[in-house]
N, C-alpha and C. Protein backbone atom coordinates (compact mmCIF):
# COMPACT_ATOMS: atom_id res chain seq x y z
N MET A 1 170.95 134.43 68.16
CA MET A 1 170.61 134.77 66.73
C MET A 1 170.35 136.36 66.84
N PRO A 2 170.69 136.87 65.79
CA PRO A 2 171.15 138.61 65.34
C PRO A 2 169.69 139.08 65.73
N GLY A 3 169.77 140.18 65.80
CA GLY A 3 168.71 141.23 65.99
C GLY A 3 168.31 141.87 64.67
N TRP A 4 167.33 142.81 64.44
CA TRP A 4 167.13 143.14 63.00
C TRP A 4 168.25 144.01 62.82
N GLN A 5 169.03 144.79 63.38
CA GLN A 5 170.25 145.35 63.11
C GLN A 5 171.09 144.67 61.94
N SER A 6 171.58 142.94 62.63
CA SER A 6 172.37 142.56 62.20
C SER A 6 171.70 141.93 60.97
N ILE A 7 170.39 141.59 60.82
CA ILE A 7 169.76 140.72 59.68
C ILE A 7 169.65 141.91 58.43
N TYR A 8 169.40 143.46 59.06
CA TYR A 8 169.73 144.06 57.92
C TYR A 8 170.99 144.58 57.29
N GLN A 9 172.10 144.24 58.26
CA GLN A 9 173.44 144.48 57.54
C GLN A 9 173.75 143.29 56.95
N GLU A 10 173.15 141.96 57.24
CA GLU A 10 173.47 140.99 56.31
C GLU A 10 172.96 141.03 54.97
N LEU A 11 171.64 141.70 54.73
CA LEU A 11 171.07 141.46 53.78
C LEU A 11 170.58 142.89 52.89
N GLN A 12 171.18 143.74 53.36
CA GLN A 12 171.01 145.00 52.60
C GLN A 12 171.40 145.04 51.39
N SER A 13 172.48 144.40 51.12
CA SER A 13 173.01 144.35 49.76
C SER A 13 172.40 143.79 48.79
N GLU A 14 171.60 142.80 49.31
CA GLU A 14 170.32 141.98 48.38
C GLU A 14 169.28 143.02 48.21
N GLY A 15 168.95 144.02 48.78
CA GLY A 15 167.75 144.83 48.65
C GLY A 15 166.72 144.85 49.95
N LEU A 16 167.31 143.88 50.92
CA LEU A 16 166.32 144.28 52.20
C LEU A 16 166.49 145.82 52.80
N VAL A 17 165.30 146.18 53.14
CA VAL A 17 165.33 147.32 54.16
C VAL A 17 164.45 147.21 55.30
N VAL A 18 164.74 147.26 56.63
CA VAL A 18 164.22 147.04 57.57
C VAL A 18 163.99 148.23 58.36
N ILE A 19 162.45 148.32 58.64
CA ILE A 19 161.87 149.63 59.32
C ILE A 19 161.15 148.83 60.33
N THR A 20 161.61 149.31 61.72
CA THR A 20 161.16 148.77 62.56
C THR A 20 160.23 150.14 63.16
N VAL A 21 159.12 149.90 63.97
CA VAL A 21 157.98 150.84 64.53
C VAL A 21 157.57 150.64 65.98
N ALA A 22 158.07 151.26 66.75
CA ALA A 22 157.46 151.29 68.22
C ALA A 22 155.85 152.02 68.36
N VAL A 23 155.08 150.99 68.39
CA VAL A 23 153.75 151.61 69.00
C VAL A 23 153.81 151.98 70.14
N ASP A 24 154.09 153.27 70.65
CA ASP A 24 154.02 153.51 71.84
C ASP A 24 154.19 154.85 71.97
N ARG A 25 154.45 155.60 73.23
CA ARG A 25 154.83 156.86 73.47
C ARG A 25 156.08 157.15 73.28
N ALA A 26 156.17 158.25 72.38
CA ALA A 26 157.79 158.71 72.00
C ALA A 26 158.42 158.59 73.22
N ASP A 27 158.09 159.11 74.50
CA ASP A 27 159.01 159.42 75.61
C ASP A 27 159.32 158.12 75.96
N ASP A 28 158.77 157.13 75.74
CA ASP A 28 159.08 155.76 76.49
C ASP A 28 159.69 154.75 75.65
N ALA A 29 159.61 155.13 73.95
CA ALA A 29 160.53 154.24 73.34
C ALA A 29 161.74 155.04 72.64
N ARG A 30 161.94 156.29 73.00
CA ARG A 30 163.01 156.79 72.25
C ARG A 30 164.34 156.17 73.06
N SER A 31 164.64 156.08 74.65
CA SER A 31 165.66 155.68 75.14
C SER A 31 165.69 154.23 74.23
N TRP A 32 165.01 153.27 74.11
CA TRP A 32 165.44 152.04 73.89
C TRP A 32 165.99 152.08 72.15
N ILE A 33 165.42 152.91 71.38
CA ILE A 33 165.95 153.18 70.15
C ILE A 33 167.31 153.71 69.90
N GLU A 34 167.65 154.71 70.91
CA GLU A 34 168.82 155.35 71.13
C GLU A 34 169.94 154.21 71.27
N ARG A 35 169.35 153.37 72.42
CA ARG A 35 170.36 152.19 73.25
C ARG A 35 170.73 151.33 71.78
N ALA A 36 169.84 150.98 71.18
CA ALA A 36 169.98 150.09 70.06
C ALA A 36 170.48 150.99 68.94
N ASN A 37 170.95 151.95 68.42
CA ASN A 37 171.40 152.80 67.65
C ASN A 37 171.50 151.97 66.47
N PRO A 38 170.01 151.98 65.54
CA PRO A 38 170.08 151.47 64.54
C PRO A 38 170.54 151.98 63.21
N THR A 39 170.82 151.42 62.08
CA THR A 39 171.31 152.57 60.85
C THR A 39 170.09 152.18 60.02
N HIS A 40 169.01 151.48 60.22
CA HIS A 40 167.81 151.33 59.72
C HIS A 40 166.60 152.11 60.05
N PRO A 41 165.74 152.44 59.21
CA PRO A 41 164.74 153.59 59.80
C PRO A 41 164.12 153.02 60.95
N SER A 42 163.74 153.62 62.22
CA SER A 42 163.09 153.29 63.08
C SER A 42 162.33 154.23 63.77
N LEU A 43 160.87 154.12 63.83
CA LEU A 43 160.08 155.12 63.85
C LEU A 43 159.07 154.63 65.03
N ILE A 44 158.38 155.89 65.37
CA ILE A 44 157.35 155.69 66.97
C ILE A 44 156.05 156.13 66.27
N ASP A 45 155.22 155.00 66.59
CA ASP A 45 153.74 155.26 66.16
C ASP A 45 152.83 155.85 67.51
N GLU A 46 152.70 156.77 67.85
CA GLU A 46 151.94 156.89 68.99
C GLU A 46 150.46 156.96 68.94
N HIS A 47 150.09 156.83 67.74
CA HIS A 47 148.64 156.94 67.52
C HIS A 47 148.53 155.74 66.83
N HIS A 48 148.86 154.65 67.04
CA HIS A 48 148.43 153.14 66.87
C HIS A 48 147.97 153.23 65.20
N ARG A 49 148.56 153.87 64.32
CA ARG A 49 147.88 153.73 63.03
C ARG A 49 148.38 152.50 62.51
N LEU A 50 149.68 152.09 62.82
CA LEU A 50 149.93 150.78 62.05
C LEU A 50 149.12 149.80 62.16
N GLY A 51 148.83 149.91 63.46
CA GLY A 51 147.71 148.46 63.75
C GLY A 51 146.36 148.53 62.96
N GLU A 52 145.92 149.96 62.79
CA GLU A 52 145.01 150.24 61.90
C GLU A 52 144.83 149.85 60.49
N LEU A 53 146.05 150.18 60.17
CA LEU A 53 146.16 150.03 58.75
C LEU A 53 146.68 148.33 58.42
N TYR A 54 147.26 147.73 58.96
CA TYR A 54 147.69 146.31 58.71
C TYR A 54 146.54 145.31 59.57
N ASN A 55 145.81 145.69 60.21
CA ASN A 55 144.97 144.64 61.22
C ASN A 55 145.75 143.94 62.23
N MET A 56 146.69 144.71 62.94
CA MET A 56 147.46 143.77 63.73
C MET A 56 146.86 143.88 65.06
N VAL A 57 147.01 142.81 65.80
CA VAL A 57 146.50 142.86 67.19
C VAL A 57 147.58 142.62 68.02
N ASN A 58 148.43 142.50 67.92
CA ASN A 58 149.65 142.28 69.04
C ASN A 58 151.04 142.80 68.24
N VAL A 59 152.11 142.79 69.34
CA VAL A 59 153.27 143.05 68.89
C VAL A 59 154.31 141.98 69.36
N PRO A 60 155.49 141.83 69.20
CA PRO A 60 156.09 142.29 67.69
C PRO A 60 155.03 141.73 66.66
N THR A 61 154.87 142.63 65.50
CA THR A 61 154.31 142.03 64.36
C THR A 61 155.07 142.32 63.14
N VAL A 62 155.46 141.32 62.16
CA VAL A 62 156.26 141.34 61.04
C VAL A 62 155.52 141.43 59.98
N VAL A 63 155.60 142.35 58.97
CA VAL A 63 154.97 142.47 57.52
C VAL A 63 156.07 142.56 56.43
N TRP A 64 155.81 141.55 55.42
CA TRP A 64 156.98 141.68 54.45
C TRP A 64 156.35 142.32 53.27
N ILE A 65 156.92 143.53 52.85
CA ILE A 65 156.35 144.04 51.59
C ILE A 65 157.60 144.00 50.67
N ASP A 66 157.35 143.51 49.41
CA ASP A 66 157.89 143.59 48.08
C ASP A 66 158.51 144.89 47.64
N GLU A 67 159.30 145.20 46.64
CA GLU A 67 159.74 146.17 46.01
C GLU A 67 158.88 146.67 45.07
N THR A 68 157.58 146.25 45.02
CA THR A 68 156.12 146.81 44.18
C THR A 68 155.53 147.54 45.20
N GLY A 69 155.49 147.68 46.66
CA GLY A 69 154.96 147.81 47.31
C GLY A 69 153.50 146.90 47.77
N GLN A 70 153.77 145.69 47.32
CA GLN A 70 152.93 144.52 47.72
C GLN A 70 153.24 143.81 48.83
N ILE A 71 152.06 143.21 49.78
CA ILE A 71 152.46 142.50 51.05
C ILE A 71 152.60 141.54 50.26
N SER A 72 153.61 140.47 50.79
CA SER A 72 154.15 139.11 50.81
C SER A 72 154.06 138.05 51.88
N ARG A 73 153.91 138.78 52.87
CA ARG A 73 153.82 137.74 54.19
C ARG A 73 153.11 138.75 55.21
N PRO A 74 152.06 138.53 55.28
CA PRO A 74 151.43 139.73 56.21
C PRO A 74 150.91 139.33 57.76
N ASN A 75 151.52 140.28 58.53
CA ASN A 75 151.04 140.11 59.99
C ASN A 75 151.57 139.07 60.87
N ASP A 76 153.07 138.53 60.23
CA ASP A 76 153.26 137.43 61.08
C ASP A 76 153.88 137.60 62.46
N VAL A 77 153.83 136.73 63.30
CA VAL A 77 154.86 136.59 64.75
C VAL A 77 156.15 136.63 64.14
N ALA A 78 157.48 137.40 64.43
CA ALA A 78 158.46 137.09 64.28
C ALA A 78 159.44 137.66 65.20
N PHE A 79 160.31 136.73 65.69
CA PHE A 79 161.47 137.23 66.56
C PHE A 79 162.81 137.12 66.29
N THR A 80 163.95 137.79 66.50
CA THR A 80 165.30 137.52 66.02
C THR A 80 166.14 136.88 66.87
N THR A 81 165.28 136.56 68.12
CA THR A 81 166.05 136.11 69.17
C THR A 81 165.61 134.81 69.87
N GLU A 82 166.13 133.73 70.13
CA GLU A 82 165.63 132.35 70.62
C GLU A 82 164.88 132.38 71.86
N LYS A 83 165.05 133.59 72.58
CA LYS A 83 164.04 133.63 73.87
C LYS A 83 162.71 134.12 73.67
N GLY A 84 162.88 134.85 72.66
CA GLY A 84 161.59 135.57 71.87
C GLY A 84 160.90 134.50 71.37
N GLY A 85 161.71 133.47 70.52
CA GLY A 85 160.73 132.81 69.95
C GLY A 85 160.27 131.68 70.77
N ARG A 86 160.76 131.35 71.81
CA ARG A 86 160.29 130.42 72.90
C ARG A 86 159.04 130.86 73.36
N TYR A 87 158.89 132.27 73.89
CA TYR A 87 158.26 132.55 74.41
C TYR A 87 156.54 132.68 73.60
N ALA A 88 156.95 132.95 71.99
CA ALA A 88 155.72 132.91 71.04
C ALA A 88 155.69 131.37 70.81
N ASN A 89 156.61 130.69 71.01
CA ASN A 89 156.36 129.19 70.45
C ASN A 89 156.45 128.90 69.21
N VAL A 90 157.61 129.77 68.63
CA VAL A 90 158.11 129.47 67.05
C VAL A 90 159.75 129.71 66.86
N SER A 91 160.04 128.93 65.94
CA SER A 91 161.27 128.62 65.67
C SER A 91 161.84 129.84 65.01
N THR A 92 162.80 130.70 65.80
CA THR A 92 163.56 131.63 65.24
C THR A 92 164.36 131.58 63.97
N GLU A 93 165.02 130.33 64.26
CA GLU A 93 166.08 130.00 62.91
C GLU A 93 165.12 129.76 61.68
N GLU A 94 164.13 129.00 62.10
CA GLU A 94 163.16 128.83 60.59
C GLU A 94 162.63 130.03 60.08
N GLN A 95 162.17 130.90 60.77
CA GLN A 95 161.84 132.33 60.52
C GLN A 95 163.02 133.09 59.92
N MET A 96 163.96 133.16 60.31
CA MET A 96 165.04 133.98 59.53
C MET A 96 165.60 133.44 58.20
N ALA A 97 165.36 131.90 58.03
CA ALA A 97 165.61 131.34 57.07
C ALA A 97 164.76 131.77 56.04
N LEU A 98 163.70 131.61 56.37
CA LEU A 98 162.36 131.67 55.16
C LEU A 98 162.66 133.33 55.11
N LEU A 99 163.02 134.16 55.55
CA LEU A 99 163.15 135.68 55.40
C LEU A 99 164.61 135.48 54.28
N ARG A 100 165.55 135.30 54.73
CA ARG A 100 166.55 135.01 53.60
C ARG A 100 166.25 134.52 52.46
N SER A 101 165.55 133.50 52.33
CA SER A 101 165.00 132.80 51.20
C SER A 101 164.15 133.61 50.14
N TRP A 102 163.22 134.55 51.00
CA TRP A 102 162.56 135.69 50.34
C TRP A 102 163.27 136.67 49.88
N VAL A 103 164.12 137.31 50.44
CA VAL A 103 165.01 138.24 49.85
C VAL A 103 165.78 138.01 49.08
N LEU A 104 166.16 136.82 49.01
CA LEU A 104 167.32 136.24 47.93
C LEU A 104 166.54 135.73 46.66
N GLY A 105 165.15 135.53 46.61
CA GLY A 105 164.49 135.40 45.44
C GLY A 105 163.85 133.90 45.29
N ARG A 106 164.41 132.83 46.41
CA ARG A 106 164.24 131.57 46.11
C ARG A 106 162.94 131.15 46.83
N LEU A 107 161.80 131.97 47.15
CA LEU A 107 160.69 131.86 48.00
C LEU A 107 159.77 132.15 46.87
N PRO A 108 158.99 131.35 46.04
CA PRO A 108 157.79 131.79 45.41
C PRO A 108 156.73 132.96 45.97
N PRO A 109 156.91 134.06 45.49
CA PRO A 109 155.75 134.96 46.09
C PRO A 109 154.33 134.39 46.08
N PRO A 110 153.42 134.65 47.22
CA PRO A 110 152.14 134.30 47.51
C PRO A 110 151.40 135.11 46.77
N SER A 111 150.22 134.35 46.08
CA SER A 111 149.19 135.12 45.20
C SER A 111 148.56 135.83 46.10
N GLU A 112 147.85 136.88 45.23
CA GLU A 112 146.83 137.78 46.16
C GLU A 112 146.04 137.25 47.19
N ASP A 113 145.00 136.22 46.50
CA ASP A 113 144.42 135.49 47.42
C ASP A 113 144.62 134.94 48.57
N GLU A 114 145.77 134.66 48.55
CA GLU A 114 146.62 133.71 49.58
C GLU A 114 146.93 134.97 50.47
N VAL A 115 147.53 136.12 50.15
CA VAL A 115 147.90 137.05 51.18
C VAL A 115 146.57 137.45 51.74
N ARG A 116 145.40 137.65 51.25
CA ARG A 116 143.98 138.03 51.77
C ARG A 116 143.59 137.03 52.68
N ARG A 117 143.90 135.96 52.65
CA ARG A 117 143.12 134.62 53.38
C ARG A 117 144.09 134.79 54.58
N ARG A 118 145.16 135.20 54.41
CA ARG A 118 145.86 135.41 55.80
C ARG A 118 145.84 136.42 56.72
N VAL A 119 145.13 137.50 55.91
CA VAL A 119 144.87 138.83 56.83
C VAL A 119 143.49 138.85 57.01
N ALA A 120 143.10 138.25 58.39
CA ALA A 120 141.86 137.99 58.84
C ALA A 120 141.30 139.70 59.24
N PRO A 121 139.97 139.99 58.42
CA PRO A 121 139.56 141.28 58.51
C PRO A 121 139.01 141.27 60.03
N LEU A 122 138.86 142.68 60.49
CA LEU A 122 138.57 143.15 61.85
C LEU A 122 137.19 142.90 61.79
N SER A 123 136.72 142.60 62.98
CA SER A 123 135.25 142.20 63.05
C SER A 123 134.70 143.82 63.49
N ASP A 124 133.52 143.94 63.24
CA ASP A 124 132.71 144.89 63.88
C ASP A 124 133.02 145.08 65.15
N MET A 125 132.98 144.14 66.18
CA MET A 125 133.22 144.87 67.49
C MET A 125 134.91 144.94 67.78
N SER A 126 135.89 144.83 66.90
CA SER A 126 137.07 145.20 66.83
C SER A 126 137.11 146.78 66.58
N ARG A 127 136.56 146.85 65.31
CA ARG A 127 136.33 147.96 65.01
C ARG A 127 135.98 149.33 65.74
N ALA A 128 134.88 148.54 66.33
CA ALA A 128 134.06 149.69 67.34
C ALA A 128 135.08 149.65 68.62
N ALA A 129 136.18 148.71 68.92
CA ALA A 129 136.96 148.94 70.19
C ALA A 129 137.94 149.91 69.76
N ARG A 130 138.37 149.84 68.83
CA ARG A 130 139.51 151.13 68.16
C ARG A 130 139.13 152.34 68.14
N ALA A 131 137.73 152.38 67.86
CA ALA A 131 137.27 153.72 67.98
C ALA A 131 137.03 154.42 69.24
N HIS A 132 136.76 153.47 70.08
CA HIS A 132 137.06 153.81 71.75
C HIS A 132 138.40 154.20 71.73
N PHE A 133 138.86 153.14 71.59
CA PHE A 133 140.48 153.52 71.92
C PHE A 133 141.18 154.75 71.59
N GLY A 134 140.70 155.15 70.11
CA GLY A 134 141.22 156.25 69.46
C GLY A 134 140.36 157.76 70.61
N LEU A 135 139.58 157.15 70.58
CA LEU A 135 139.00 158.51 71.40
C LEU A 135 139.50 158.54 72.91
N GLY A 136 139.72 157.53 73.42
CA GLY A 136 140.42 157.61 74.60
C GLY A 136 141.90 158.26 74.49
N TRP A 137 142.38 157.93 73.38
CA TRP A 137 143.78 158.71 73.21
C TRP A 137 143.45 160.01 73.17
N TRP A 138 142.71 160.70 72.41
CA TRP A 138 142.62 161.94 72.12
C TRP A 138 141.98 162.75 73.53
N LEU A 139 141.42 162.02 74.46
CA LEU A 139 140.91 162.53 75.55
C LEU A 139 141.85 162.55 76.42
N HIS A 140 142.88 161.55 76.28
CA HIS A 140 144.09 161.68 76.97
C HIS A 140 144.78 162.42 76.93
N GLN A 141 145.33 162.94 75.52
CA GLN A 141 146.06 164.00 75.12
C GLN A 141 145.45 165.31 75.53
N ALA A 142 143.93 165.54 75.73
CA ALA A 142 143.38 166.54 76.25
C ALA A 142 143.18 166.99 77.71
N GLY A 143 143.94 165.95 78.22
CA GLY A 143 144.12 165.95 79.80
C GLY A 143 142.68 165.55 80.39
N ARG A 144 142.15 164.78 79.84
CA ARG A 144 140.72 164.25 80.49
C ARG A 144 140.79 162.90 80.64
N GLN A 145 141.31 162.76 81.72
CA GLN A 145 141.72 161.42 82.10
C GLN A 145 140.64 160.31 82.46
N ASP A 146 139.98 160.87 83.31
CA ASP A 146 138.81 159.89 83.88
C ASP A 146 137.99 159.51 82.49
N ALA A 147 137.73 160.40 81.69
CA ALA A 147 137.20 160.03 80.63
C ALA A 147 137.89 159.05 79.62
N ALA A 148 139.38 159.52 79.38
CA ALA A 148 139.90 158.57 78.86
C ALA A 148 140.04 157.17 79.30
N GLN A 149 140.05 156.87 80.67
CA GLN A 149 140.23 155.80 80.93
C GLN A 149 139.13 154.76 80.57
N HIS A 150 137.80 155.54 80.96
CA HIS A 150 136.51 154.74 80.47
C HIS A 150 136.53 154.19 79.05
N GLN A 151 137.00 154.85 78.04
CA GLN A 151 137.08 154.73 76.92
C GLN A 151 138.06 153.39 76.43
N PHE A 152 139.31 153.61 77.23
CA PHE A 152 140.13 152.26 77.36
C PHE A 152 139.54 151.02 77.88
N GLN A 153 138.69 151.16 78.81
CA GLN A 153 137.98 150.02 79.30
C GLN A 153 137.21 149.60 78.56
N ILE A 154 136.23 150.50 77.79
CA ILE A 154 135.17 149.90 76.95
C ILE A 154 136.20 149.14 75.62
N GLY A 155 137.13 149.89 75.07
CA GLY A 155 137.39 149.08 73.94
C GLY A 155 138.26 147.71 74.23
N GLY A 156 138.95 147.51 75.67
CA GLY A 156 139.39 146.23 76.02
C GLY A 156 138.05 145.14 76.30
N GLU A 157 136.92 145.63 76.70
CA GLU A 157 136.07 144.70 76.63
C GLU A 157 135.73 144.38 75.51
N LEU A 158 135.46 145.35 74.39
CA LEU A 158 134.67 144.98 73.30
C LEU A 158 135.85 143.78 72.59
N ALA A 159 137.07 143.87 72.48
CA ALA A 159 137.99 143.21 71.54
C ALA A 159 139.13 142.81 72.80
N PRO A 160 138.81 141.94 73.33
CA PRO A 160 139.76 141.15 74.42
C PRO A 160 140.89 140.47 73.97
N ASP A 161 141.01 140.06 72.44
CA ASP A 161 141.98 139.66 71.79
C ASP A 161 142.92 140.56 70.89
N ASP A 162 142.55 141.82 71.22
CA ASP A 162 143.17 142.92 70.43
C ASP A 162 144.34 143.43 71.46
N PHE A 163 145.54 143.12 71.83
CA PHE A 163 146.67 143.50 72.72
C PHE A 163 147.18 144.49 72.40
N MET A 164 147.03 145.08 70.89
CA MET A 164 147.43 146.34 70.78
C MET A 164 146.79 147.72 71.41
N ILE A 165 145.29 147.33 71.78
CA ILE A 165 144.47 148.09 72.46
C ILE A 165 144.68 147.71 74.21
N ARG A 166 144.64 146.78 74.67
CA ARG A 166 144.73 146.40 75.87
C ARG A 166 146.14 146.89 76.56
N ARG A 167 146.99 146.18 75.88
CA ARG A 167 148.51 146.59 75.98
C ARG A 167 148.81 148.22 75.83
N GLY A 168 148.49 148.48 74.74
CA GLY A 168 148.58 150.02 74.33
C GLY A 168 148.16 150.81 75.52
N ALA A 169 147.10 150.77 76.01
CA ALA A 169 146.17 151.34 77.10
C ALA A 169 147.43 151.56 78.50
N MET A 170 147.61 150.34 78.35
CA MET A 170 148.59 150.44 80.07
C MET A 170 149.25 151.61 80.49
N PRO A 171 150.32 151.84 79.59
CA PRO A 171 150.97 153.16 80.02
C PRO A 171 150.26 154.42 80.10
N LEU A 172 149.31 154.48 79.46
CA LEU A 172 148.33 155.53 79.65
C LEU A 172 147.32 155.56 80.59
N ARG A 173 147.26 154.71 81.38
CA ARG A 173 146.64 154.77 82.62
C ARG A 173 147.70 154.57 83.88
N GLY A 174 148.82 154.70 83.45
CA GLY A 174 149.99 154.69 84.38
C GLY A 174 150.46 153.19 84.84
N SER A 175 150.11 152.08 84.08
CA SER A 175 150.33 150.89 84.30
C SER A 175 151.68 150.45 83.44
N ASP A 176 152.34 149.48 84.17
CA ASP A 176 153.76 148.99 83.33
C ASP A 176 153.12 148.02 82.29
N PRO A 177 153.52 148.32 81.07
CA PRO A 177 153.09 147.21 79.95
C PRO A 177 153.78 146.01 79.77
N PHE A 178 154.91 145.87 80.93
CA PHE A 178 155.53 144.86 81.03
C PHE A 178 155.62 144.28 82.42
N GLY A 179 154.65 144.70 83.38
CA GLY A 179 154.36 144.44 84.53
C GLY A 179 153.79 143.65 84.94
N PRO A 180 153.40 143.49 86.62
CA PRO A 180 152.19 142.38 86.84
C PRO A 180 150.83 142.32 85.90
N GLU A 181 150.62 143.64 85.85
CA GLU A 181 149.04 143.51 85.39
C GLU A 181 148.90 142.83 83.77
N PHE A 182 150.19 143.17 83.13
CA PHE A 182 150.34 142.46 81.81
C PHE A 182 150.58 141.09 81.94
N VAL A 183 151.08 140.57 82.70
CA VAL A 183 151.55 139.00 82.98
C VAL A 183 150.20 138.45 83.34
N GLU A 184 149.64 139.28 84.31
CA GLU A 184 147.94 138.22 84.71
C GLU A 184 147.09 138.74 83.56
N MET A 185 147.18 139.54 82.67
CA MET A 185 146.08 139.74 81.71
C MET A 185 146.47 138.58 80.48
N VAL A 186 147.79 138.12 80.27
CA VAL A 186 148.20 137.15 79.30
C VAL A 186 147.89 135.61 79.88
N ASN A 187 148.06 135.45 80.98
CA ASN A 187 147.67 134.41 81.87
C ASN A 187 146.20 133.97 81.87
N ASP A 188 145.33 134.88 82.18
CA ASP A 188 144.03 134.82 82.36
C ASP A 188 143.82 134.55 80.67
N TRP A 189 144.35 135.34 79.71
CA TRP A 189 143.64 134.51 78.22
C TRP A 189 144.07 133.63 77.89
N LEU A 190 145.19 132.97 78.26
CA LEU A 190 145.66 131.74 78.08
C LEU A 190 144.87 130.19 78.55
N ALA A 191 144.59 130.87 80.11
CA ALA A 191 143.89 129.88 80.96
C ALA A 191 142.31 129.75 80.10
N LEU A 192 141.65 130.87 79.38
CA LEU A 192 140.71 130.40 78.63
C LEU A 192 140.72 129.59 77.39
N GLY A 193 141.82 129.18 76.96
CA GLY A 193 142.31 128.37 75.77
C GLY A 193 142.64 128.91 74.77
N HIS A 194 142.87 130.13 74.79
CA HIS A 194 142.99 131.22 73.84
C HIS A 194 144.78 130.93 73.56
N SER A 195 145.12 131.67 72.23
CA SER A 195 146.68 131.57 72.01
C SER A 195 147.09 133.21 72.07
N TYR A 196 148.30 133.50 72.81
CA TYR A 196 148.67 134.90 72.70
C TYR A 196 149.04 135.63 71.17
N TYR A 197 150.32 134.53 70.88
CA TYR A 197 150.60 134.61 69.74
C TYR A 197 149.93 133.79 68.55
N LEU A 198 149.88 134.23 67.39
CA LEU A 198 149.31 133.35 66.11
C LEU A 198 150.18 133.39 64.94
N PRO A 199 151.33 132.79 65.20
CA PRO A 199 152.23 132.75 63.95
C PRO A 199 151.87 132.08 62.49
N LEU A 200 152.17 132.65 61.59
CA LEU A 200 151.74 132.24 60.42
C LEU A 200 152.75 130.59 60.29
N PRO A 201 152.23 129.56 59.42
CA PRO A 201 153.15 128.48 59.12
C PRO A 201 154.14 129.10 58.43
N VAL A 202 155.38 128.35 58.84
CA VAL A 202 156.64 128.44 58.06
C VAL A 202 156.20 127.36 57.21
N GLU A 203 156.77 128.21 55.67
CA GLU A 203 156.30 127.37 54.59
C GLU A 203 157.68 127.63 53.80
C-alpha cells in the first residue's frame, strides 16, 4: 500500500491536503522527515499540543478535517502500509478506500452529534496525567532531570492507557521508544485484556 505522500499525490487534485505531525523531539524526528522528503506539510510537535487539542492517546492517529474546518472523522488509527495495519489489526485497504470516498464526496458527512460521540472526553485522571507530563517536559527543558522523571512517572501511573504520555516520555528518560521497554509496556497492557489501538469502525 502507498504511503501518505503517495495518497497526497493521488488525491491532491481533488482537494486533499495531508499534514503529518511527529509528536517527538525535533532532533529525533527531523532525519525521518528529511529521508521521506514529503511535498506535503510535515511538522514536529515537541510539546504534545496535538494530543491535548484532539484528545489523542496514541500514535499514529489520523483526523479528517473538512474544508470548513469541521472534524469529519476523529482520532482514528490509520496506516498506509499492510504491515502497520496488521500490527493494529485494521484493514489498510478498507481505510484508504474510505478516505478516497470521503475526498471524492461519496461518503455522507457525519453529524456533529456523531463526531462528538466518537471523541471520548479525557477523564479527570487523564487531564491530571497530562498536567504532570507538561510539568515534566518543562523541568526537562530546564535541566532538572530527576524532578522531570518523577513527573513523567506520575503521569504514566495516572493514565496507563495514554501512550502519548508513556511512550512520549521514553526518549526524555533516555529510553528507546521502539526498544525493549516499549515492547514490554505494550505486552503488559495487552496481557491485562486491553487493546493498544482502538480503531473506529470502517463504515
